[in-house]
Amino acid sequence: MRDLKHLGYFEDLLQTANNELIAQAKEEGKVCAAFLCENIPEPLLNLGNAFGIRLFAPNTGSMDIATYYMTSFLCETSRALLERAIEGGYNFADCLITPDGCTMMNRCGENMELLHTMDGGDSKFFYEYMEIPLKADDNGVELMKLQCQNHILTPLAENYGIDTSDAAIRAAVKEHNEICEIIQAIGQFRKDDKPRITAYEFHVLTLATYVAPKYLIVDKLRETLEEIKTRQPDDRPYRARLALVGSEIDDSGVIKLIEDCGAYVCVDRYCFGSFPGRVPIELNDEEDAFTQVCRHYVYMGQCPRTMNMEKVYGRKAYVNDLCKEYRADGVIYQQIKFCDPWAY
């Protein structure tokens, strides 16, 4: 197939955590709210003058220093993040919000704070740790609201004067939903017998929406969607259509490796993928936007941390439904070594 016009641009954004769009947003005077886990309601980090950035550690080499602080029994993702923080790779952040989606990410954030890897003596910089509900029910929604109020909205307002009103939340959700709708529309082409987008390309586009300011990439995403609509697919069929399910997959080379074997990743369900992270948030006018956003993340989330039986069985049903919708022939379950939640 003809190369996508902006693919190289999006690939370049994934080569470093401190990419050019983050630098541009910072030069514009915006506040960078960094986060580590998909359980954090992303629109709440994109309020007013703030923009949310998911921290990741591309092109990681040695993790010796992080392993010294965290031991080799914690997952590579948490150690890679700490290593990059110690190297100064996240000095663009104005705050760090970490949930206890897993203990390892919490330990990662705590070490970042104890070692002063990111604050640089800035009195406004804050580290916050959220408790994520273990059950998807009304009590879980109330807990999520309390945690988001205490650890996201209040600190952003008090330290940086960020507007956390209902109107600001609705505006952030509107921006969030446009990104989601574009990614979902592109993902629909994966259902075709001869897809007009490769799984590698889709992974690059989706991951870029988490690690760059949304308002700076939306135009190129729109243009890419229009380009794909008229793109001529390759004639060669794939030998198998696969669903890829698991936790963080930040290396697009993994997807490329699967494709080089003749298979096609026709649908994804992993942290910071298109499902469920790029499913639009539905809002109504009868209830405050804050409650609706928190409810969406509690009930839509597919993290193994949520342990009520409806969710335990629901996660399997969710994958099964995606496989049917996208006509997958099989499922690859991916697990990062020493990942406690996904060990279940």
Protein backbone atom coordinates (compact mmCIF):
# COMPACT_ATOMS: atom_id res chain seq x y z
CA MET A 1 0.00 0.00 0.00
CA ARG A 2 1.00 3.61 -0.48
CA ASP A 3 2.69 5.01 2.63
CA LEU A 4 0.51 7.18 4.83
CA LYS A 5 1.47 10.84 4.49
CA HIS A 6 1.90 11.48 8.22
CA LEU A 7 3.05 8.04 9.41
CA GLY A 8 6.68 9.14 9.72
CA TYR A 9 5.58 12.17 11.72
CA PHE A 10 3.68 10.00 14.22
CA GLU A 11 6.55 7.51 14.38
CA ASP A 12 8.93 10.32 15.30
CA LEU A 13 6.64 11.36 18.16
CA LEU A 14 7.11 7.90 19.67
CA GLN A 15 10.90 8.00 19.64
CA THR A 16 11.19 10.09 22.80
CA ALA A 17 8.95 10.82 25.76
CA ASN A 18 9.69 14.55 25.49
CA ASN A 19 8.53 14.92 21.90
CA GLU A 20 8.34 18.14 19.90
CA LEU A 21 4.61 18.65 20.50
CA ILE A 22 5.06 18.55 24.27
CA ALA A 23 7.80 21.15 23.91
CA GLN A 24 5.48 23.28 21.75
CA ALA A 25 2.64 23.08 24.28
CA LYS A 26 5.01 24.01 27.10
CA GLU A 27 6.26 27.01 25.11
CA GLU A 28 2.63 28.09 24.80
CA GLY A 29 2.47 28.20 28.60
CA LYS A 30 0.38 25.09 29.09
CA VAL A 31 0.57 22.79 32.13
CA CYS A 32 1.63 19.18 31.56
CA ALA A 33 -0.22 16.67 33.76
CA ALA A 34 1.70 13.39 33.51
CA PHE A 35 0.10 10.05 34.37
CA LEU A 36 1.12 6.41 34.43
CA CYS A 37 -1.99 4.25 34.17
CA GLU A 38 -5.05 3.82 31.96
CA ASN A 39 -7.34 3.88 35.01
CA ILE A 40 -6.98 7.65 35.35
CA PRO A 41 -9.86 9.54 33.65
CA GLU A 42 -7.92 11.19 30.85
CA PRO A 43 -10.27 14.12 30.10
CA LEU A 44 -9.79 15.42 33.66
CA LEU A 45 -6.13 16.03 32.81
CA ASN A 46 -7.02 18.07 29.72
CA LEU A 47 -8.98 20.82 31.43
CA GLY A 48 -8.45 24.46 30.55
CA ASN A 49 -4.76 25.24 30.19
CA ALA A 50 -3.63 21.70 31.10
CA PHE A 51 -2.85 18.76 28.86
CA GLY A 52 -2.45 15.15 29.92
CA ILE A 53 0.51 13.05 28.83
CA ARG A 54 0.93 9.37 29.48
CA LEU A 55 4.56 8.68 30.41
CA PHE A 56 6.37 5.95 28.51
CA ALA A 57 10.00 4.99 27.96
CA PRO A 58 10.80 4.33 24.29
CA ASN A 59 14.17 2.91 23.23
CA THR A 60 15.03 1.77 26.75
CA GLY A 61 18.44 0.20 27.19
CA SER A 62 19.89 -0.58 30.60
CA MET A 63 17.61 -0.48 33.64
CA ASP A 64 20.37 -1.06 36.20
CA ILE A 65 19.71 2.00 38.36
CA ALA A 66 15.95 1.43 38.48
CA THR A 67 16.53 -2.24 39.26
CA TYR A 68 18.73 -1.20 42.18
CA TYR A 69 15.86 0.79 43.68
CA MET A 70 12.99 -1.51 42.73
CA THR A 71 14.62 -4.99 42.45
CA SER A 72 14.37 -7.29 39.44
CA PHE A 73 11.04 -8.72 40.61
CA LEU A 74 9.04 -5.69 39.55
CA CYS A 75 7.82 -5.44 35.98
CA GLU A 76 10.01 -4.00 33.24
CA THR A 77 7.53 -1.21 32.51
CA SER A 78 7.74 0.28 36.00
CA ARG A 79 11.53 -0.04 36.02
CA ALA A 80 11.89 1.47 32.55
CA LEU A 81 9.79 4.46 33.61
CA LEU A 82 11.87 5.03 36.74
CA GLU A 83 15.11 4.67 34.79
CA ARG A 84 13.96 7.29 32.28
CA ALA A 85 12.86 9.61 35.10
CA ILE A 86 16.27 9.31 36.79
CA GLU A 87 17.89 10.16 33.45
CA GLY A 88 15.83 13.37 33.36
CA GLY A 89 13.57 12.25 30.54
CA TYR A 90 10.37 13.56 32.12
CA ASN A 91 11.47 17.01 33.23
CA PHE A 92 8.74 18.54 31.07
CA ALA A 93 6.01 17.41 33.50
CA ASP A 94 4.37 19.84 35.94
CA CYS A 95 2.85 17.09 38.09
CA LEU A 96 2.61 13.31 38.27
CA ILE A 97 -0.60 11.42 39.02
CA THR A 98 -0.26 7.73 39.79
CA PRO A 99 -3.08 5.32 40.66
CA ASP A 100 -2.73 2.04 42.47
CA GLY A 101 -3.92 0.17 39.41
CA CYS A 102 -1.02 -2.01 40.44
CA THR A 103 1.46 -1.80 43.30
CA MET A 104 4.41 -1.64 40.90
CA MET A 105 3.28 1.59 39.26
CA ASN A 106 2.70 3.04 42.71
CA ARG A 107 6.23 2.10 43.74
CA CYS A 108 7.53 3.62 40.53
CA GLY A 109 5.83 6.93 41.28
CA GLU A 110 6.98 6.89 44.90
CA ASN A 111 10.59 6.38 43.85
CA MET A 112 10.28 9.23 41.37
CA GLU A 113 9.12 11.45 44.21
CA LEU A 114 11.69 10.28 46.76
CA LEU A 115 14.52 10.78 44.27
CA HIS A 116 13.14 14.18 43.13
CA THR A 117 13.46 13.05 39.53
CA MET A 118 10.91 15.47 38.09
CA ASP A 119 10.07 18.38 40.40
CA GLY A 120 13.36 20.27 40.04
CA GLY A 121 12.65 22.32 43.15
CA ASP A 122 9.42 23.72 41.68
CA SER A 123 7.09 24.50 44.58
CA LYS A 124 4.02 24.05 42.36
CA PHE A 125 4.95 20.54 41.24
CA PHE A 126 2.91 17.84 42.96
CA TYR A 127 2.87 14.04 43.14
CA GLU A 128 -0.52 12.45 43.75
CA TYR A 129 -1.50 8.82 44.38
CA MET A 130 -5.03 7.62 43.66
CA GLU A 131 -6.90 4.64 45.02
CA ILE A 132 -8.70 2.87 42.18
CA PRO A 133 -11.96 0.97 42.90
CA LEU A 134 -11.77 -2.82 43.11
CA LYS A 135 -15.41 -3.16 42.06
CA ALA A 136 -17.40 -1.69 39.22
CA ASP A 137 -20.52 -0.57 41.08
CA ASP A 138 -22.08 2.60 42.48
CA ASN A 139 -19.71 2.58 45.45
CA GLY A 140 -16.81 2.30 43.02
CA VAL A 141 -18.07 5.35 41.15
CA GLU A 142 -18.27 7.36 44.38
CA LEU A 143 -14.73 6.31 45.30
CA MET A 144 -13.48 7.29 41.85
CA LYS A 145 -15.14 10.70 42.18
CA LEU A 146 -13.56 11.28 45.59
CA GLN A 147 -10.12 10.25 44.37
CA CYS A 148 -10.32 12.35 41.21
CA GLN A 149 -11.50 15.38 43.17
CA ASN A 150 -8.77 15.08 45.80
CA HIS A 151 -5.88 14.04 43.57
CA ILE A 152 -6.60 15.64 40.18
CA LEU A 153 -9.07 18.52 40.20
CA THR A 154 -8.18 20.17 43.51
CA PRO A 155 -4.36 20.06 43.05
CA LEU A 156 -4.61 21.35 39.47
CA ALA A 157 -6.86 24.21 40.55
CA GLU A 158 -4.85 25.15 43.65
CA ASN A 159 -1.37 24.89 42.11
CA TYR A 160 -1.96 26.06 38.55
CA GLY A 161 -5.34 27.78 38.56
CA ILE A 162 -6.85 25.25 36.15
CA ASP A 163 -10.57 25.62 35.46
CA THR A 164 -12.29 22.48 36.77
CA SER A 165 -15.89 23.57 36.19
CA ASP A 166 -18.57 21.43 34.56
CA ALA A 167 -18.22 23.47 31.38
CA ALA A 168 -14.46 22.83 31.30
CA ILE A 169 -14.98 19.09 31.79
CA ARG A 170 -17.55 18.97 28.99
CA ALA A 171 -15.15 20.81 26.67
CA ALA A 172 -12.37 18.34 27.53
CA VAL A 173 -14.68 15.39 26.88
CA LYS A 174 -15.64 16.88 23.51
CA GLU A 175 -11.95 17.10 22.54
CA HIS A 176 -11.34 13.59 23.90
CA ASN A 177 -14.29 12.17 21.98
CA GLU A 178 -13.15 13.61 18.67
CA ILE A 179 -9.83 11.79 19.04
CA CYS A 180 -11.69 8.61 20.03
CA GLU A 181 -14.08 8.82 17.10
CA ILE A 182 -11.23 9.23 14.62
CA ILE A 183 -9.33 6.25 16.05
CA GLN A 184 -12.49 4.13 16.10
CA ALA A 185 -13.29 5.12 12.50
CA ILE A 186 -9.78 4.14 11.38
CA GLY A 187 -10.07 0.91 13.36
CA GLN A 188 -13.24 -0.04 11.48
CA PHE A 189 -11.15 -0.66 8.37
CA ARG A 190 -9.52 -3.57 10.20
CA LYS A 191 -12.75 -5.52 9.69
CA ASP A 192 -12.21 -5.71 5.93
CA ASP A 193 -10.97 -8.89 4.25
CA LYS A 194 -8.22 -6.77 2.73
CA PRO A 195 -7.56 -4.07 5.35
CA ARG A 196 -6.43 -0.69 4.06
CA ILE A 197 -4.40 -0.03 7.22
CA THR A 198 -1.76 -2.26 8.74
CA ALA A 199 -1.89 -3.22 12.40
CA TYR A 200 1.51 -1.55 12.86
CA GLU A 201 0.20 1.75 11.47
CA PHE A 202 -2.87 1.59 13.66
CA HIS A 203 -0.75 0.97 16.76
CA VAL A 204 1.46 3.98 15.97
CA LEU A 205 -1.53 6.29 15.46
CA THR A 206 -3.30 5.11 18.60
CA LEU A 207 -0.27 5.30 20.88
CA ALA A 208 0.50 8.81 19.63
CA THR A 209 -2.87 10.01 20.96
CA TYR A 210 -1.75 9.18 24.50
CA VAL A 211 1.75 10.70 24.44
CA ALA A 212 1.17 14.02 22.65
CA PRO A 213 -1.17 16.98 23.30
CA LYS A 214 -4.43 16.12 21.57
CA TYR A 215 -5.12 19.56 20.17
CA LEU A 216 -1.82 19.47 18.28
CA ILE A 217 -2.37 16.14 16.52
CA VAL A 218 -6.08 16.13 15.76
CA ASP A 219 -5.68 17.84 12.36
CA LYS A 220 -3.19 15.25 11.12
CA LEU A 221 -5.40 12.45 12.46
CA ARG A 222 -8.39 13.84 10.55
CA GLU A 223 -6.31 14.06 7.39
CA THR A 224 -5.04 10.51 7.90
CA LEU A 225 -8.60 9.18 8.24
CA GLU A 226 -9.61 10.83 4.96
CA GLU A 227 -6.50 9.42 3.30
CA ILE A 228 -7.28 5.88 4.46
CA LYS A 229 -10.84 6.09 3.11
CA THR A 230 -9.50 6.19 -0.46
CA ARG A 231 -6.39 4.06 0.08
CA GLN A 232 -6.06 0.97 -2.09
CA PRO A 233 -5.40 -2.15 0.02
CA ASP A 234 -2.83 -4.79 -0.85
CA ASP A 235 -4.13 -7.81 -2.75
CA ARG A 236 -2.37 -10.37 -0.57
CA PRO A 237 -4.58 -11.77 2.19
CA TYR A 238 -3.33 -12.41 5.72
CA ARG A 239 -3.16 -16.04 6.83
CA ALA A 240 -4.79 -15.39 10.22
CA ARG A 241 -6.65 -12.59 11.95
CA LEU A 242 -5.71 -12.14 15.60
CA ALA A 243 -6.85 -10.21 18.65
CA LEU A 244 -4.05 -8.91 20.87
CA VAL A 245 -4.98 -8.65 24.55
CA GLY A 246 -2.91 -7.63 27.56
CA SER A 247 -1.30 -4.74 29.41
CA GLU A 248 1.03 -2.07 28.00
CA ILE A 249 2.39 -2.64 24.49
CA ASP A 250 4.56 0.36 23.72
CA ASP A 251 6.82 -1.28 21.13
CA SER A 252 5.21 -1.12 17.70
CA GLY A 253 7.85 -3.61 16.59
CA VAL A 254 5.88 -6.32 18.39
CA ILE A 255 2.93 -5.67 16.09
CA LYS A 256 5.22 -5.58 13.07
CA LEU A 257 6.73 -8.92 14.08
CA ILE A 258 3.28 -10.52 14.15
CA GLU A 259 2.51 -9.09 10.71
CA ASP A 260 5.83 -10.30 9.32
CA CYS A 261 4.71 -13.80 10.30
CA GLY A 262 1.70 -13.42 8.02
CA ALA A 263 -0.92 -12.67 10.69
CA TYR A 264 -2.98 -9.51 11.14
CA VAL A 265 -3.87 -7.91 14.46
CA CYS A 266 -7.46 -7.05 13.59
CA VAL A 267 -8.46 -5.83 17.07
CA ASP A 268 -6.69 -4.77 20.27
CA ARG A 269 -7.59 -4.82 23.96
CA TYR A 270 -4.59 -3.64 25.90
CA CYS A 271 -3.64 -0.69 28.07
CA PHE A 272 -3.44 2.49 25.99
CA GLY A 273 -4.95 0.83 22.92
CA SER A 274 -8.20 1.59 21.11
CA PHE A 275 -10.34 -0.66 23.33
CA PRO A 276 -11.46 0.50 25.80
CA GLY A 277 -9.25 3.60 26.00
CA ARG A 278 -10.51 5.17 22.78
CA VAL A 279 -14.20 4.47 23.25
CA PRO A 280 -16.07 7.82 23.27
CA ILE A 281 -17.59 9.01 26.56
CA GLU A 282 -21.34 9.61 26.36
CA LEU A 283 -22.60 12.64 28.29
CA ASN A 284 -26.13 13.85 28.99
CA ASP A 285 -27.36 17.21 30.28
CA GLU A 286 -29.25 15.81 33.27
CA GLU A 287 -26.18 14.87 35.33
CA ASP A 288 -22.90 16.63 36.01
CA ALA A 289 -20.10 15.73 33.60
CA PHE A 290 -17.66 14.83 36.38
CA THR A 291 -19.86 11.98 37.65
CA GLN A 292 -20.45 10.69 34.13
CA VAL A 293 -16.74 10.65 33.29
CA CYS A 294 -15.91 8.75 36.48
CA ARG A 295 -18.73 6.27 35.85
CA HIS A 296 -17.47 5.66 32.32
CA TYR A 297 -13.99 4.75 33.53
CA VAL A 298 -15.27 2.51 36.33
CA TYR A 299 -17.69 0.51 34.19
CA MET A 300 -15.91 0.63 30.83
CA GLY A 301 -12.46 -0.19 32.24
CA GLN A 302 -11.12 -3.70 31.62
CA CYS A 303 -8.22 -3.68 34.08
CA PRO A 304 -7.74 -6.98 36.00
CA ARG A 305 -7.63 -4.90 39.17
CA THR A 306 -11.45 -4.81 39.09
CA MET A 307 -12.34 -8.06 40.82
CA ASN A 308 -16.13 -8.30 41.21
CA MET A 309 -17.33 -11.42 39.40
CA GLU A 310 -19.31 -9.47 36.82
CA LYS A 311 -16.05 -7.88 35.73
CA VAL A 312 -13.99 -11.07 35.98
CA TYR A 313 -16.31 -12.88 33.57
CA GLY A 314 -17.09 -9.67 31.73
CA ARG A 315 -13.47 -9.20 30.65
CA LYS A 316 -13.54 -12.55 28.86
CA ALA A 317 -16.91 -11.78 27.32
CA TYR A 318 -15.61 -8.37 26.19
CA VAL A 319 -12.70 -9.98 24.33
CA ASN A 320 -15.03 -12.62 22.88
CA ASP A 321 -17.41 -9.94 21.59
CA LEU A 322 -14.54 -8.01 20.00
CA CYS A 323 -13.30 -11.19 18.32
CA LYS A 324 -16.73 -11.81 16.84
CA GLU A 325 -17.17 -8.23 15.68
CA TYR A 326 -13.72 -8.05 14.06
CA ARG A 327 -13.74 -11.70 12.88
CA ALA A 328 -10.61 -12.76 14.73
CA ASP A 329 -9.40 -16.34 14.23
CA GLY A 330 -7.57 -16.40 17.54
CA VAL A 331 -6.33 -14.42 20.53
CA ILE A 332 -2.82 -13.64 21.75
CA TYR A 333 -2.75 -12.85 25.47
CA GLN A 334 0.30 -10.75 26.32
CA GLN A 335 1.65 -10.40 29.85
CA ILE A 336 4.64 -8.37 30.99
CA LYS A 337 6.94 -10.44 33.16
CA PHE A 338 6.15 -10.09 36.90
CA CYS A 339 2.88 -8.28 36.15
CA ASP A 340 0.67 -9.15 39.14
CA PRO A 341 -2.77 -8.05 37.84
CA TRP A 342 -2.42 -9.79 34.48
CA ALA A 343 -1.15 -12.95 36.19
CA TYR A 344 -4.80 -13.53 37.05
